[in-house]
Amino acid sequence: MKIGILSDSHDNVPMVDAAVAAFRERGVERVIHAGDFVAPFSAKRLSALDVPIIAVFGNCDGEHTVLSEVLPGIVSGARHETIDGKRFVIVHAAAWLSDEDRRAAEVIVCGHTHEARIDDSGPLLINPGECGGWVTGRATAALLDTETMSPELIELNS
């Protein structure tokens, strides 16, 4: 299964649309967003993919009630999901994970730092960087193929 991963979109609708286009082109079957949509209007753009969206709140998400309407199932803190037989833990900031969360994970998806990072030295850690590109000037997302467990960083503004 191909999973599109993004975080920290911070209302940059053109970059969310670029992520949607990149995910569509790559045949993504599910999307994970690790928080900081900021407002519901940017979150709505992901629905154009017509695939399940797994999401958590970030520290900058203000409209929890409306975001919950747009993204049913969005949660605060760590979210545990089994996807294609793999145990995922999704959280906005890796520092928010408990030891129990870390032990439970085969894949950790996080954001918050705005810096893309892939680390396979323990559980596979994927921080897709910032979709919004506001802080670093680099808009990125990630793709994970659960069959090969090979993550790929996607440049959205190159």
N, C-alpha and C. Protein backbone atom coordinates (compact mmCIF):
# COMPACT_ATOMS: atom_id res chain seq x y z
N MET A 1 0.85 -1.18 0.00
CA MET A 1 0.00 0.00 0.00
C MET A 1 0.89 1.24 0.00
N LYS A 2 0.53 2.21 -0.79
CA LYS A 2 1.27 3.47 -0.82
C LYS A 2 0.55 4.49 0.07
N ILE A 3 1.32 5.07 0.98
CA ILE A 3 0.79 6.04 1.93
C ILE A 3 1.47 7.38 1.71
N GLY A 4 0.67 8.42 1.52
CA GLY A 4 1.18 9.78 1.43
C GLY A 4 1.24 10.37 2.82
N ILE A 5 2.36 11.00 3.15
CA ILE A 5 2.57 11.51 4.50
C ILE A 5 2.92 13.00 4.43
N LEU A 6 2.24 13.81 5.23
CA LEU A 6 2.58 15.22 5.30
C LEU A 6 2.32 15.77 6.68
N SER A 7 2.85 16.94 6.91
CA SER A 7 2.70 17.61 8.20
C SER A 7 2.92 19.10 7.98
N ASP A 8 2.51 19.87 8.94
CA ASP A 8 2.82 21.30 8.97
C ASP A 8 2.49 22.01 7.65
N SER A 9 1.25 21.83 7.21
CA SER A 9 0.82 22.52 5.98
C SER A 9 0.50 23.99 6.24
N HIS A 10 0.16 24.34 7.46
CA HIS A 10 -0.01 25.74 7.88
C HIS A 10 -0.74 26.60 6.86
N ASP A 11 -1.86 26.09 6.38
CA ASP A 11 -2.76 26.85 5.49
C ASP A 11 -2.17 27.23 4.14
N ASN A 12 -1.09 26.61 3.72
CA ASN A 12 -0.53 26.91 2.40
C ASN A 12 -1.25 26.04 1.38
N VAL A 13 -2.40 26.53 0.94
CA VAL A 13 -3.28 25.75 0.05
C VAL A 13 -2.58 25.33 -1.25
N PRO A 14 -1.81 26.20 -1.91
CA PRO A 14 -1.13 25.73 -3.13
C PRO A 14 -0.20 24.54 -2.87
N MET A 15 0.46 24.51 -1.73
CA MET A 15 1.35 23.38 -1.43
C MET A 15 0.55 22.13 -1.04
N VAL A 16 -0.59 22.31 -0.36
CA VAL A 16 -1.47 21.15 -0.09
C VAL A 16 -1.96 20.58 -1.42
N ASP A 17 -2.34 21.46 -2.34
CA ASP A 17 -2.78 21.01 -3.66
C ASP A 17 -1.64 20.30 -4.40
N ALA A 18 -0.40 20.79 -4.24
CA ALA A 18 0.76 20.13 -4.87
C ALA A 18 0.96 18.74 -4.26
N ALA A 19 0.76 18.61 -2.95
CA ALA A 19 0.87 17.30 -2.30
C ALA A 19 -0.21 16.36 -2.82
N VAL A 20 -1.43 16.86 -2.94
CA VAL A 20 -2.53 16.05 -3.47
C VAL A 20 -2.18 15.57 -4.88
N ALA A 21 -1.67 16.46 -5.72
CA ALA A 21 -1.30 16.07 -7.09
C ALA A 21 -0.18 15.02 -7.09
N ALA A 22 0.82 15.21 -6.24
CA ALA A 22 1.92 14.26 -6.16
C ALA A 22 1.43 12.90 -5.66
N PHE A 23 0.55 12.92 -4.68
CA PHE A 23 0.01 11.66 -4.16
C PHE A 23 -0.85 10.96 -5.20
N ARG A 24 -1.66 11.73 -5.91
CA ARG A 24 -2.51 11.14 -6.95
C ARG A 24 -1.63 10.50 -8.04
N GLU A 25 -0.60 11.20 -8.45
CA GLU A 25 0.32 10.71 -9.48
C GLU A 25 1.00 9.40 -9.06
N ARG A 26 1.24 9.26 -7.77
CA ARG A 26 1.94 8.08 -7.26
C ARG A 26 1.00 6.96 -6.79
N GLY A 27 -0.29 7.16 -6.95
CA GLY A 27 -1.26 6.12 -6.61
C GLY A 27 -1.44 5.88 -5.12
N VAL A 28 -1.36 6.96 -4.34
CA VAL A 28 -1.52 6.85 -2.89
C VAL A 28 -2.91 6.34 -2.53
N GLU A 29 -2.94 5.40 -1.57
CA GLU A 29 -4.20 4.79 -1.15
C GLU A 29 -4.66 5.26 0.22
N ARG A 30 -3.80 5.99 0.92
CA ARG A 30 -4.13 6.51 2.25
C ARG A 30 -3.21 7.70 2.50
N VAL A 31 -3.69 8.64 3.32
CA VAL A 31 -2.89 9.82 3.68
C VAL A 31 -2.79 9.90 5.19
N ILE A 32 -1.59 10.24 5.66
CA ILE A 32 -1.37 10.55 7.07
C ILE A 32 -0.93 12.00 7.14
N HIS A 33 -1.59 12.78 8.00
CA HIS A 33 -1.18 14.17 8.25
C HIS A 33 -0.85 14.28 9.73
N ALA A 34 0.40 14.69 10.02
CA ALA A 34 0.88 14.74 11.40
C ALA A 34 0.68 16.10 12.05
N GLY A 35 -0.36 16.79 11.68
CA GLY A 35 -0.77 18.00 12.41
C GLY A 35 -0.26 19.32 11.86
N ASP A 36 -0.87 20.36 12.40
CA ASP A 36 -0.67 21.75 11.99
C ASP A 36 -1.22 22.03 10.59
N PHE A 37 -2.50 21.69 10.44
CA PHE A 37 -3.26 22.17 9.29
C PHE A 37 -3.42 23.67 9.46
N VAL A 38 -3.78 24.08 10.65
CA VAL A 38 -4.12 25.40 11.17
C VAL A 38 -5.61 25.63 11.03
N ALA A 39 -6.15 25.71 9.81
CA ALA A 39 -7.58 25.96 9.64
C ALA A 39 -8.21 24.86 8.77
N PRO A 40 -9.51 24.66 8.93
CA PRO A 40 -10.19 23.57 8.21
C PRO A 40 -10.16 23.71 6.69
N PHE A 41 -10.10 24.94 6.16
CA PHE A 41 -10.16 25.06 4.70
C PHE A 41 -8.99 24.37 4.01
N SER A 42 -7.83 24.34 4.64
CA SER A 42 -6.70 23.64 4.01
C SER A 42 -6.86 22.13 4.15
N ALA A 43 -7.44 21.68 5.25
CA ALA A 43 -7.66 20.25 5.46
C ALA A 43 -8.65 19.70 4.43
N LYS A 44 -9.64 20.51 4.05
CA LYS A 44 -10.64 20.07 3.08
C LYS A 44 -10.01 19.72 1.73
N ARG A 45 -8.89 20.35 1.40
CA ARG A 45 -8.26 20.10 0.10
C ARG A 45 -7.79 18.65 -0.04
N LEU A 46 -7.46 18.00 1.08
CA LEU A 46 -7.02 16.61 1.03
C LEU A 46 -8.12 15.67 0.58
N SER A 47 -9.38 16.06 0.80
CA SER A 47 -10.49 15.18 0.43
C SER A 47 -10.58 14.96 -1.07
N ALA A 48 -9.90 15.79 -1.87
CA ALA A 48 -9.90 15.61 -3.32
C ALA A 48 -9.29 14.27 -3.72
N LEU A 49 -8.48 13.68 -2.85
CA LEU A 49 -7.87 12.38 -3.15
C LEU A 49 -8.87 11.24 -3.02
N ASP A 50 -9.91 11.43 -2.24
CA ASP A 50 -10.92 10.39 -2.02
C ASP A 50 -10.30 9.09 -1.51
N VAL A 51 -9.39 9.24 -0.53
CA VAL A 51 -8.79 8.10 0.17
C VAL A 51 -8.92 8.36 1.67
N PRO A 52 -8.80 7.33 2.50
CA PRO A 52 -8.86 7.57 3.95
C PRO A 52 -7.73 8.50 4.40
N ILE A 53 -8.07 9.39 5.33
CA ILE A 53 -7.11 10.33 5.89
C ILE A 53 -7.01 10.08 7.39
N ILE A 54 -5.79 9.86 7.85
CA ILE A 54 -5.52 9.66 9.26
C ILE A 54 -4.80 10.92 9.73
N ALA A 55 -5.30 11.56 10.78
CA ALA A 55 -4.73 12.84 11.18
C ALA A 55 -4.67 13.00 12.69
N VAL A 56 -3.72 13.82 13.11
CA VAL A 56 -3.62 14.24 14.51
C VAL A 56 -3.53 15.76 14.54
N PHE A 57 -3.91 16.32 15.68
CA PHE A 57 -3.78 17.76 15.86
C PHE A 57 -2.34 18.12 16.14
N GLY A 58 -1.94 19.30 15.66
CA GLY A 58 -0.65 19.86 16.00
C GLY A 58 -0.83 20.99 16.99
N ASN A 59 0.25 21.62 17.37
CA ASN A 59 0.18 22.70 18.35
C ASN A 59 -0.38 23.99 17.78
N CYS A 60 -0.49 24.12 16.46
CA CYS A 60 -1.01 25.35 15.86
C CYS A 60 -2.43 25.19 15.31
N ASP A 61 -3.04 24.04 15.50
CA ASP A 61 -4.40 23.82 15.00
C ASP A 61 -5.38 24.47 15.96
N GLY A 62 -6.09 25.47 15.47
CA GLY A 62 -6.96 26.26 16.33
C GLY A 62 -8.41 25.80 16.38
N GLU A 63 -8.96 25.43 15.26
CA GLU A 63 -10.39 25.13 15.18
C GLU A 63 -10.64 23.63 15.31
N HIS A 64 -10.43 23.11 16.51
CA HIS A 64 -10.56 21.67 16.72
C HIS A 64 -11.94 21.15 16.36
N THR A 65 -12.98 21.90 16.68
CA THR A 65 -14.34 21.42 16.42
C THR A 65 -14.58 21.26 14.92
N VAL A 66 -14.25 22.27 14.14
CA VAL A 66 -14.50 22.18 12.69
C VAL A 66 -13.51 21.23 12.03
N LEU A 67 -12.26 21.22 12.47
CA LEU A 67 -11.31 20.24 11.93
C LEU A 67 -11.81 18.82 12.18
N SER A 68 -12.43 18.58 13.33
CA SER A 68 -13.00 17.26 13.64
C SER A 68 -14.16 16.91 12.71
N GLU A 69 -14.89 17.91 12.26
CA GLU A 69 -15.97 17.67 11.30
C GLU A 69 -15.40 17.34 9.93
N VAL A 70 -14.34 18.03 9.53
CA VAL A 70 -13.71 17.81 8.23
C VAL A 70 -12.95 16.49 8.22
N LEU A 71 -12.31 16.17 9.35
CA LEU A 71 -11.46 14.98 9.46
C LEU A 71 -11.95 14.11 10.63
N PRO A 72 -13.03 13.37 10.45
CA PRO A 72 -13.53 12.54 11.54
C PRO A 72 -12.42 11.60 12.04
N GLY A 73 -12.29 11.52 13.33
CA GLY A 73 -11.28 10.64 13.91
C GLY A 73 -9.98 11.33 14.26
N ILE A 74 -9.81 12.61 13.87
CA ILE A 74 -8.59 13.33 14.23
C ILE A 74 -8.47 13.38 15.75
N VAL A 75 -7.26 13.20 16.27
CA VAL A 75 -7.07 13.15 17.72
C VAL A 75 -5.93 14.05 18.15
N SER A 76 -5.91 14.36 19.42
CA SER A 76 -4.76 15.03 20.04
C SER A 76 -3.83 13.95 20.56
N GLY A 77 -2.55 14.24 20.59
CA GLY A 77 -1.59 13.27 21.12
C GLY A 77 -1.26 12.19 20.11
N ALA A 78 -0.81 11.06 20.61
CA ALA A 78 -0.38 9.95 19.76
C ALA A 78 -1.57 9.12 19.31
N ARG A 79 -1.55 8.77 18.04
CA ARG A 79 -2.60 7.93 17.45
C ARG A 79 -1.95 6.63 16.98
N HIS A 80 -2.49 5.51 17.43
CA HIS A 80 -1.99 4.19 17.04
C HIS A 80 -2.89 3.63 15.95
N GLU A 81 -2.30 3.22 14.85
CA GLU A 81 -3.05 2.65 13.72
C GLU A 81 -2.30 1.45 13.17
N THR A 82 -3.03 0.44 12.77
CA THR A 82 -2.43 -0.66 12.02
C THR A 82 -2.84 -0.48 10.58
N ILE A 83 -1.84 -0.34 9.72
CA ILE A 83 -2.06 -0.11 8.30
C ILE A 83 -1.29 -1.17 7.53
N ASP A 84 -2.01 -1.93 6.74
CA ASP A 84 -1.40 -2.99 5.94
C ASP A 84 -0.52 -3.90 6.80
N GLY A 85 -1.00 -4.18 8.03
CA GLY A 85 -0.31 -5.08 8.94
C GLY A 85 0.87 -4.46 9.68
N LYS A 86 1.13 -3.18 9.48
CA LYS A 86 2.24 -2.49 10.14
C LYS A 86 1.69 -1.59 11.24
N ARG A 87 2.39 -1.55 12.38
CA ARG A 87 1.96 -0.74 13.52
C ARG A 87 2.54 0.67 13.42
N PHE A 88 1.67 1.64 13.20
CA PHE A 88 2.04 3.04 13.08
C PHE A 88 1.68 3.78 14.37
N VAL A 89 2.52 4.72 14.76
CA VAL A 89 2.18 5.69 15.79
C VAL A 89 2.38 7.05 15.14
N ILE A 90 1.31 7.84 15.13
CA ILE A 90 1.32 9.16 14.50
C ILE A 90 1.16 10.20 15.58
N VAL A 91 2.01 11.20 15.56
CA VAL A 91 1.99 12.25 16.58
C VAL A 91 2.57 13.51 15.94
N HIS A 92 2.17 14.66 16.43
CA HIS A 92 2.72 15.88 15.85
C HIS A 92 4.19 16.04 16.20
N ALA A 93 4.53 15.99 17.47
CA ALA A 93 5.91 16.17 17.91
C ALA A 93 6.42 14.87 18.51
N ALA A 94 7.55 14.39 18.02
CA ALA A 94 8.11 13.14 18.53
C ALA A 94 8.35 13.20 20.04
N ALA A 95 8.62 14.39 20.56
CA ALA A 95 8.84 14.55 22.00
C ALA A 95 7.59 14.23 22.81
N TRP A 96 6.43 14.21 22.18
CA TRP A 96 5.18 13.90 22.88
C TRP A 96 4.97 12.40 23.05
N LEU A 97 5.82 11.57 22.45
CA LEU A 97 5.65 10.12 22.54
C LEU A 97 6.11 9.60 23.89
N SER A 98 5.35 8.65 24.41
CA SER A 98 5.77 7.96 25.63
C SER A 98 6.67 6.78 25.23
N ASP A 99 7.34 6.22 26.21
CA ASP A 99 8.14 5.01 25.95
C ASP A 99 7.25 3.89 25.43
N GLU A 100 6.04 3.81 25.97
CA GLU A 100 5.08 2.79 25.51
C GLU A 100 4.73 2.99 24.04
N ASP A 101 4.50 4.26 23.64
CA ASP A 101 4.22 4.55 22.23
C ASP A 101 5.37 4.07 21.34
N ARG A 102 6.59 4.39 21.74
CA ARG A 102 7.77 4.02 20.96
C ARG A 102 7.92 2.50 20.84
N ARG A 103 7.66 1.79 21.92
CA ARG A 103 7.76 0.32 21.89
C ARG A 103 6.69 -0.29 20.99
N ALA A 104 5.55 0.35 20.90
CA ALA A 104 4.44 -0.18 20.12
C ALA A 104 4.61 0.02 18.62
N ALA A 105 5.53 0.90 18.21
CA ALA A 105 5.60 1.34 16.83
C ALA A 105 6.59 0.55 15.98
N GLU A 106 6.15 0.23 14.78
CA GLU A 106 7.07 -0.18 13.72
C GLU A 106 7.42 1.05 12.88
N VAL A 107 6.46 1.98 12.80
CA VAL A 107 6.65 3.22 12.05
C VAL A 107 6.15 4.38 12.92
N ILE A 108 6.98 5.38 13.08
CA ILE A 108 6.58 6.62 13.76
C ILE A 108 6.51 7.71 12.72
N VAL A 109 5.36 8.39 12.66
CA VAL A 109 5.20 9.54 11.77
C VAL A 109 5.01 10.76 12.66
N CYS A 110 5.82 11.78 12.41
CA CYS A 110 5.72 13.00 13.20
C CYS A 110 6.03 14.20 12.32
N GLY A 111 5.91 15.36 12.89
CA GLY A 111 6.22 16.61 12.20
C GLY A 111 6.83 17.57 13.19
N HIS A 112 6.29 18.77 13.22
CA HIS A 112 6.58 19.82 14.19
C HIS A 112 7.90 20.56 13.98
N THR A 113 8.96 19.87 13.61
CA THR A 113 10.27 20.52 13.48
C THR A 113 10.42 21.26 12.16
N HIS A 114 9.57 20.96 11.20
CA HIS A 114 9.64 21.52 9.85
C HIS A 114 10.86 21.05 9.08
N GLU A 115 11.59 20.10 9.62
CA GLU A 115 12.77 19.54 8.96
C GLU A 115 12.49 18.09 8.58
N ALA A 116 12.64 17.78 7.30
CA ALA A 116 12.42 16.41 6.83
C ALA A 116 13.48 15.50 7.43
N ARG A 117 13.03 14.32 7.86
CA ARG A 117 13.96 13.37 8.45
C ARG A 117 13.41 11.95 8.29
N ILE A 118 14.25 11.07 7.82
CA ILE A 118 13.92 9.64 7.76
C ILE A 118 15.04 8.92 8.48
N ASP A 119 14.65 8.10 9.47
CA ASP A 119 15.64 7.39 10.29
C ASP A 119 15.15 5.97 10.49
N ASP A 120 15.94 5.00 10.05
CA ASP A 120 15.53 3.60 10.19
C ASP A 120 16.40 2.85 11.21
N SER A 121 17.00 3.58 12.16
CA SER A 121 17.86 2.94 13.15
C SER A 121 17.10 2.26 14.28
N GLY A 122 15.83 2.56 14.42
CA GLY A 122 14.96 1.91 15.42
C GLY A 122 13.67 1.64 14.70
N PRO A 123 12.54 1.98 15.32
CA PRO A 123 11.35 1.98 14.48
C PRO A 123 11.58 2.99 13.36
N LEU A 124 11.06 2.71 12.19
CA LEU A 124 11.20 3.64 11.07
C LEU A 124 10.54 4.96 11.46
N LEU A 125 11.30 6.05 11.46
CA LEU A 125 10.78 7.37 11.79
C LEU A 125 10.71 8.19 10.51
N ILE A 126 9.53 8.73 10.26
CA ILE A 126 9.34 9.58 9.08
C ILE A 126 8.79 10.93 9.53
N ASN A 127 9.58 11.96 9.34
CA ASN A 127 9.11 13.33 9.48
C ASN A 127 9.17 13.90 8.08
N PRO A 128 8.00 14.15 7.46
CA PRO A 128 7.99 14.59 6.07
C PRO A 128 8.44 16.03 5.87
N GLY A 129 8.83 16.71 6.94
CA GLY A 129 9.17 18.12 6.82
C GLY A 129 7.91 18.96 6.78
N GLU A 130 8.01 20.12 6.21
CA GLU A 130 6.85 21.01 6.19
C GLU A 130 6.24 21.09 4.80
N CYS A 131 4.99 20.71 4.71
CA CYS A 131 4.25 20.84 3.46
C CYS A 131 4.11 22.32 3.10
N GLY A 132 3.92 23.17 4.11
CA GLY A 132 3.69 24.58 3.85
C GLY A 132 4.89 25.33 3.32
N GLY A 133 6.08 24.93 3.69
CA GLY A 133 7.28 25.60 3.20
C GLY A 133 7.52 26.99 3.76
N TRP A 134 6.76 27.39 4.77
CA TRP A 134 6.87 28.76 5.29
C TRP A 134 8.17 29.00 6.04
N VAL A 135 8.62 28.03 6.83
CA VAL A 135 9.76 28.25 7.72
C VAL A 135 11.09 28.02 7.01
N THR A 136 11.21 26.90 6.31
CA THR A 136 12.48 26.54 5.68
C THR A 136 12.57 26.96 4.22
N GLY A 137 11.43 27.31 3.63
CA GLY A 137 11.41 27.61 2.21
C GLY A 137 11.39 26.35 1.36
N ARG A 138 11.30 25.20 1.99
CA ARG A 138 11.30 23.91 1.30
C ARG A 138 10.00 23.18 1.64
N ALA A 139 9.12 23.02 0.66
CA ALA A 139 7.85 22.32 0.86
C ALA A 139 8.04 20.86 0.49
N THR A 140 7.79 19.97 1.47
CA THR A 140 8.02 18.54 1.25
C THR A 140 6.88 17.70 1.80
N ALA A 141 6.83 16.49 1.33
CA ALA A 141 5.94 15.45 1.83
C ALA A 141 6.73 14.15 1.72
N ALA A 142 6.11 13.05 2.09
CA ALA A 142 6.79 11.75 1.98
C ALA A 142 5.82 10.71 1.46
N LEU A 143 6.39 9.64 0.97
CA LEU A 143 5.63 8.51 0.48
C LEU A 143 6.24 7.27 1.12
N LEU A 144 5.38 6.38 1.61
CA LEU A 144 5.84 5.10 2.14
C LEU A 144 5.09 3.98 1.45
N ASP A 145 5.84 3.05 0.87
CA ASP A 145 5.27 1.84 0.31
C ASP A 145 5.39 0.78 1.39
N THR A 146 4.27 0.31 1.93
CA THR A 146 4.31 -0.63 3.04
C THR A 146 4.79 -2.02 2.61
N GLU A 147 4.80 -2.30 1.32
CA GLU A 147 5.31 -3.58 0.85
C GLU A 147 6.84 -3.63 0.96
N THR A 148 7.50 -2.56 0.58
CA THR A 148 8.97 -2.52 0.61
C THR A 148 9.49 -1.81 1.86
N MET A 149 8.61 -1.08 2.55
CA MET A 149 8.98 -0.24 3.71
C MET A 149 10.08 0.75 3.33
N SER A 150 10.01 1.23 2.11
CA SER A 150 10.97 2.21 1.60
C SER A 150 10.32 3.58 1.53
N PRO A 151 10.71 4.50 2.43
CA PRO A 151 10.16 5.85 2.37
C PRO A 151 10.88 6.70 1.33
N GLU A 152 10.15 7.67 0.78
CA GLU A 152 10.69 8.58 -0.21
C GLU A 152 10.27 9.99 0.15
N LEU A 153 11.19 10.91 0.12
CA LEU A 153 10.88 12.32 0.33
C LEU A 153 10.49 12.94 -0.99
N ILE A 154 9.42 13.74 -0.99
CA ILE A 154 8.92 14.36 -2.21
C ILE A 154 9.06 15.88 -2.07
N GLU A 155 9.77 16.50 -3.01
CA GLU A 155 9.88 17.96 -3.05
C GLU A 155 8.64 18.49 -3.76
N LEU A 156 7.93 19.39 -3.10
CA LEU A 156 6.69 19.92 -3.67
C LEU A 156 6.90 21.24 -4.43
N ASN A 157 8.00 21.91 -4.18
CA ASN A 157 8.19 23.22 -4.80
C ASN A 157 9.47 23.30 -5.59
N SER A 158 9.86 22.20 -6.20
CA SER A 158 11.09 22.27 -7.00
C SER A 158 10.74 22.27 -8.47
